[in-house]
Amino acid sequence: MGPHEGALAVSTPRDDVYLITVRGVLDRVLSTRLLRMVDTRVRVVRDAGGCLTRHLLIDMSPVVAVGRGALELLEHARHSTGVHGVTLHLTAPDPEMWRPSARAREIITSIGTFPSVALALRAL
């Protein structure tokens, strides 16, 4: 991964938690890929009655920079998960380091953040 690239990784640290880790630069392209992953997981939850996923956690602590408009796309993730009864949470030690717009700040606040994945897993 180059300095201006981003990447996504998925894991399930617990049966009820689906974790998507975002690394590098979160730009609009990577945000769109992230939204596709969220939508895919929501469809699995919707279509598989036995799916145990109750929480979707997006770990943004490895994000080094955020491009214009990228955080605003999280609004769709919040809506998609909420409609299907899955809670959405972010991990980010300090979201202000990305200098979010006023709208992005509202979205981040409405989703809720944890300073780390470990703390999120303890609280969820």
C-alpha atoms as a PDB file:
ATOM      1  CA  MET A   1       0.000   0.000   0.000  1.00  0.00           C
ATOM      2  CA  GLY A   2       1.474   3.347  -1.032  1.00  0.00           C
ATOM      3  CA  PRO A   3       1.310   6.510   1.067  1.00  0.00           C
ATOM      4  CA  HIS A   4      -1.775   7.806  -0.760  1.00  0.00           C
ATOM      5  CA  GLU A   5      -3.691   4.552  -0.852  1.00  0.00           C
ATOM      6  CA  GLY A   6      -6.259   3.124   1.476  1.00  0.00           C
ATOM      7  CA  ALA A   7      -7.318  -0.406   2.248  1.00  0.00           C
ATOM      8  CA  LEU A   8     -10.145  -2.245   3.979  1.00  0.00           C
ATOM      9  CA  ALA A   9      -9.994  -5.428   6.042  1.00  0.00           C
ATOM     10  CA  VAL A  10     -12.793  -7.441   7.637  1.00  0.00           C
ATOM     11  CA  SER A  11     -12.873  -9.585  10.759  1.00  0.00           C
ATOM     12  CA  THR A  12     -15.322 -10.924  13.306  1.00  0.00           C
ATOM     13  CA  PRO A  13     -13.800 -10.522  16.769  1.00  0.00           C
ATOM     14  CA  ARG A  14     -17.029 -11.896  18.279  1.00  0.00           C
ATOM     15  CA  ASP A  15     -20.074 -13.608  16.808  1.00  0.00           C
ATOM     16  CA  ASP A  16     -22.170 -10.474  17.267  1.00  0.00           C
ATOM     17  CA  VAL A  17     -19.566  -7.969  15.998  1.00  0.00           C
ATOM     18  CA  TYR A  18     -18.531  -7.396  12.391  1.00  0.00           C
ATOM     19  CA  LEU A  19     -15.377  -5.259  12.186  1.00  0.00           C
ATOM     20  CA  ILE A  20     -14.228  -3.326   9.141  1.00  0.00           C
ATOM     21  CA  THR A  21     -10.787  -1.754   9.492  1.00  0.00           C
ATOM     22  CA  VAL A  22      -9.916   1.221   7.295  1.00  0.00           C
ATOM     23  CA  ARG A  23      -6.218   1.930   6.698  1.00  0.00           C
ATOM     24  CA  GLY A  24      -4.365   4.753   5.019  1.00  0.00           C
ATOM     25  CA  VAL A  25      -6.190   7.566   3.281  1.00  0.00           C
ATOM     26  CA  LEU A  26      -9.984   7.544   3.386  1.00  0.00           C
ATOM     27  CA  ASP A  27     -11.037   9.223   0.171  1.00  0.00           C
ATOM     28  CA  ARG A  28     -14.389   9.143  -1.622  1.00  0.00           C
ATOM     29  CA  VAL A  29     -13.433   6.001  -3.570  1.00  0.00           C
ATOM     30  CA  LEU A  30     -12.493   4.074  -0.429  1.00  0.00           C
ATOM     31  CA  SER A  31     -15.586   5.443   1.358  1.00  0.00           C
ATOM     32  CA  THR A  32     -17.725   4.088  -1.456  1.00  0.00           C
ATOM     33  CA  ARG A  33     -16.062   0.663  -1.108  1.00  0.00           C
ATOM     34  CA  LEU A  34     -16.660   0.842   2.641  1.00  0.00           C
ATOM     35  CA  LEU A  35     -20.349   1.570   2.064  1.00  0.00           C
ATOM     36  CA  ARG A  36     -20.612  -1.425  -0.259  1.00  0.00           C
ATOM     37  CA  MET A  37     -19.130  -3.629   2.480  1.00  0.00           C
ATOM     38  CA  VAL A  38     -21.604  -2.236   5.025  1.00  0.00           C
ATOM     39  CA  ASP A  39     -24.527  -2.779   2.649  1.00  0.00           C
ATOM     40  CA  THR A  40     -23.380  -6.333   1.916  1.00  0.00           C
ATOM     41  CA  ARG A  41     -23.215  -7.170   5.620  1.00  0.00           C
ATOM     42  CA  VAL A  42     -26.621  -5.621   6.226  1.00  0.00           C
ATOM     43  CA  ARG A  43     -28.071  -7.782   3.435  1.00  0.00           C
ATOM     44  CA  VAL A  44     -26.540 -10.879   5.068  1.00  0.00           C
ATOM     45  CA  VAL A  45     -28.141  -9.903   8.380  1.00  0.00           C
ATOM     46  CA  ARG A  46     -31.471  -9.265   6.657  1.00  0.00           C
ATOM     47  CA  ASP A  47     -31.463 -12.452   4.564  1.00  0.00           C
ATOM     48  CA  ALA A  48     -29.954 -14.874   7.087  1.00  0.00           C
ATOM     49  CA  GLY A  49     -32.322 -15.203  10.005  1.00  0.00           C
ATOM     50  CA  GLY A  50     -29.645 -16.947  12.057  1.00  0.00           C
ATOM     51  CA  CYS A  51     -26.971 -14.283  11.542  1.00  0.00           C
ATOM     52  CA  LEU A  52     -25.749 -13.101  14.918  1.00  0.00           C
ATOM     53  CA  THR A  53     -24.312  -9.735  13.815  1.00  0.00           C
ATOM     54  CA  ARG A  54     -25.740  -7.034  16.057  1.00  0.00           C
ATOM     55  CA  HIS A  55     -22.936  -4.474  15.891  1.00  0.00           C
ATOM     56  CA  LEU A  56     -20.962  -3.166  12.941  1.00  0.00           C
ATOM     57  CA  LEU A  57     -17.747  -1.506  14.028  1.00  0.00           C
ATOM     58  CA  ILE A  58     -15.671   0.584  11.651  1.00  0.00           C
ATOM     59  CA  ASP A  59     -12.117   0.932  12.940  1.00  0.00           C
ATOM     60  CA  MET A  60     -10.744   4.193  11.610  1.00  0.00           C
ATOM     61  CA  SER A  61      -7.809   4.437  13.995  1.00  0.00           C
ATOM     62  CA  PRO A  62      -5.325   3.478  11.209  1.00  0.00           C
ATOM     63  CA  VAL A  63      -6.653   6.281   8.954  1.00  0.00           C
ATOM     64  CA  VAL A  64      -3.895   8.825   8.338  1.00  0.00           C
ATOM     65  CA  ALA A  65      -5.888  11.328   6.282  1.00  0.00           C
ATOM     66  CA  VAL A  66      -9.433  11.918   5.081  1.00  0.00           C
ATOM     67  CA  GLY A  67     -10.351  13.345   1.714  1.00  0.00           C
ATOM     68  CA  ARG A  68     -13.047  15.924   1.109  1.00  0.00           C
ATOM     69  CA  GLY A  69     -16.540  14.464   1.387  1.00  0.00           C
ATOM     70  CA  ALA A  70     -15.390  11.017   2.523  1.00  0.00           C
ATOM     71  CA  LEU A  71     -16.759  11.209   6.068  1.00  0.00           C
ATOM     72  CA  GLU A  72     -20.110  12.545   4.910  1.00  0.00           C
ATOM     73  CA  LEU A  73     -20.696   9.245   3.109  1.00  0.00           C
ATOM     74  CA  LEU A  74     -20.945   7.561   6.519  1.00  0.00           C
ATOM     75  CA  GLU A  75     -24.484   8.964   6.691  1.00  0.00           C
ATOM     76  CA  HIS A  76     -25.578   6.179   4.359  1.00  0.00           C
ATOM     77  CA  ALA A  77     -23.901   3.516   6.514  1.00  0.00           C
ATOM     78  CA  ARG A  78     -25.695   4.866   9.586  1.00  0.00           C
ATOM     79  CA  HIS A  79     -29.034   4.738   7.813  1.00  0.00           C
ATOM     80  CA  SER A  80     -28.476   1.287   6.277  1.00  0.00           C
ATOM     81  CA  THR A  81     -27.490  -0.368   9.543  1.00  0.00           C
ATOM     82  CA  GLY A  82     -30.200   1.381  11.544  1.00  0.00           C
ATOM     83  CA  VAL A  83     -32.985   0.218   9.240  1.00  0.00           C
ATOM     84  CA  HIS A  84     -31.968  -3.398   9.856  1.00  0.00           C
ATOM     85  CA  GLY A  85     -31.401  -3.222  13.608  1.00  0.00           C
ATOM     86  CA  VAL A  86     -27.605  -3.305  13.515  1.00  0.00           C
ATOM     87  CA  THR A  87     -25.804  -0.687  15.583  1.00  0.00           C
ATOM     88  CA  LEU A  88     -22.994   1.214  13.886  1.00  0.00           C
ATOM     89  CA  HIS A  89     -19.962   2.473  15.799  1.00  0.00           C
ATOM     90  CA  LEU A  90     -16.617   4.004  14.867  1.00  0.00           C
ATOM     91  CA  THR A  91     -13.252   3.763  16.542  1.00  0.00           C
ATOM     92  CA  ALA A  92     -11.032   6.775  16.239  1.00  0.00           C
ATOM     93  CA  PRO A  93      -8.721   8.126  18.921  1.00  0.00           C
ATOM     94  CA  ASP A  94      -9.369  11.720  17.793  1.00  0.00           C
ATOM     95  CA  PRO A  95     -11.700  12.336  14.813  1.00  0.00           C
ATOM     96  CA  GLU A  96     -10.863  16.060  14.995  1.00  0.00           C
ATOM     97  CA  MET A  97      -7.390  15.341  13.586  1.00  0.00           C
ATOM     98  CA  TRP A  98      -9.070  14.878  10.202  1.00  0.00           C
ATOM     99  CA  ARG A  99     -10.587  18.378  10.386  1.00  0.00           C
ATOM    100  CA  PRO A 100     -14.129  17.191   9.621  1.00  0.00           C
ATOM    101  CA  SER A 101     -16.702  19.512   8.142  1.00  0.00           C
ATOM    102  CA  ALA A 102     -19.587  20.565  10.358  1.00  0.00           C
ATOM    103  CA  ARG A 103     -21.803  17.971   8.643  1.00  0.00           C
ATOM    104  CA  ALA A 104     -19.213  15.195   9.057  1.00  0.00           C
ATOM    105  CA  ARG A 105     -18.850  16.134  12.729  1.00  0.00           C
ATOM    106  CA  GLU A 106     -22.637  15.776  13.170  1.00  0.00           C
ATOM    107  CA  ILE A 107     -22.596  12.352  11.494  1.00  0.00           C
ATOM    108  CA  ILE A 108     -19.656  11.129  13.577  1.00  0.00           C
ATOM    109  CA  THR A 109     -21.375  12.325  16.751  1.00  0.00           C
ATOM    110  CA  SER A 110     -24.647  10.631  15.810  1.00  0.00           C
ATOM    111  CA  ILE A 111     -22.850   7.338  15.102  1.00  0.00           C
ATOM    112  CA  GLY A 112     -20.714   7.463  18.220  1.00  0.00           C
ATOM    113  CA  THR A 113     -17.033   6.712  18.611  1.00  0.00           C
ATOM    114  CA  PHE A 114     -14.783   4.654  20.825  1.00  0.00           C
ATOM    115  CA  PRO A 115     -11.071   5.407  21.255  1.00  0.00           C
ATOM    116  CA  SER A 116     -10.092   1.811  20.395  1.00  0.00           C
ATOM    117  CA  VAL A 117     -11.472  -1.524  19.216  1.00  0.00           C
ATOM    118  CA  ALA A 118     -10.689  -3.102  22.597  1.00  0.00           C
ATOM    119  CA  LEU A 119     -12.781  -0.504  24.430  1.00  0.00           C
ATOM    120  CA  ALA A 120     -15.591  -0.842  21.915  1.00  0.00           C
ATOM    121  CA  LEU A 121     -15.692  -4.613  22.331  1.00  0.00           C
ATOM    122  CA  ARG A 122     -15.858  -4.247  26.113  1.00  0.00           C
ATOM    123  CA  ALA A 123     -18.721  -1.764  25.885  1.00  0.00           C
ATOM    124  CA  LEU A 124     -20.817  -3.532  23.240  1.00  0.00           C
END
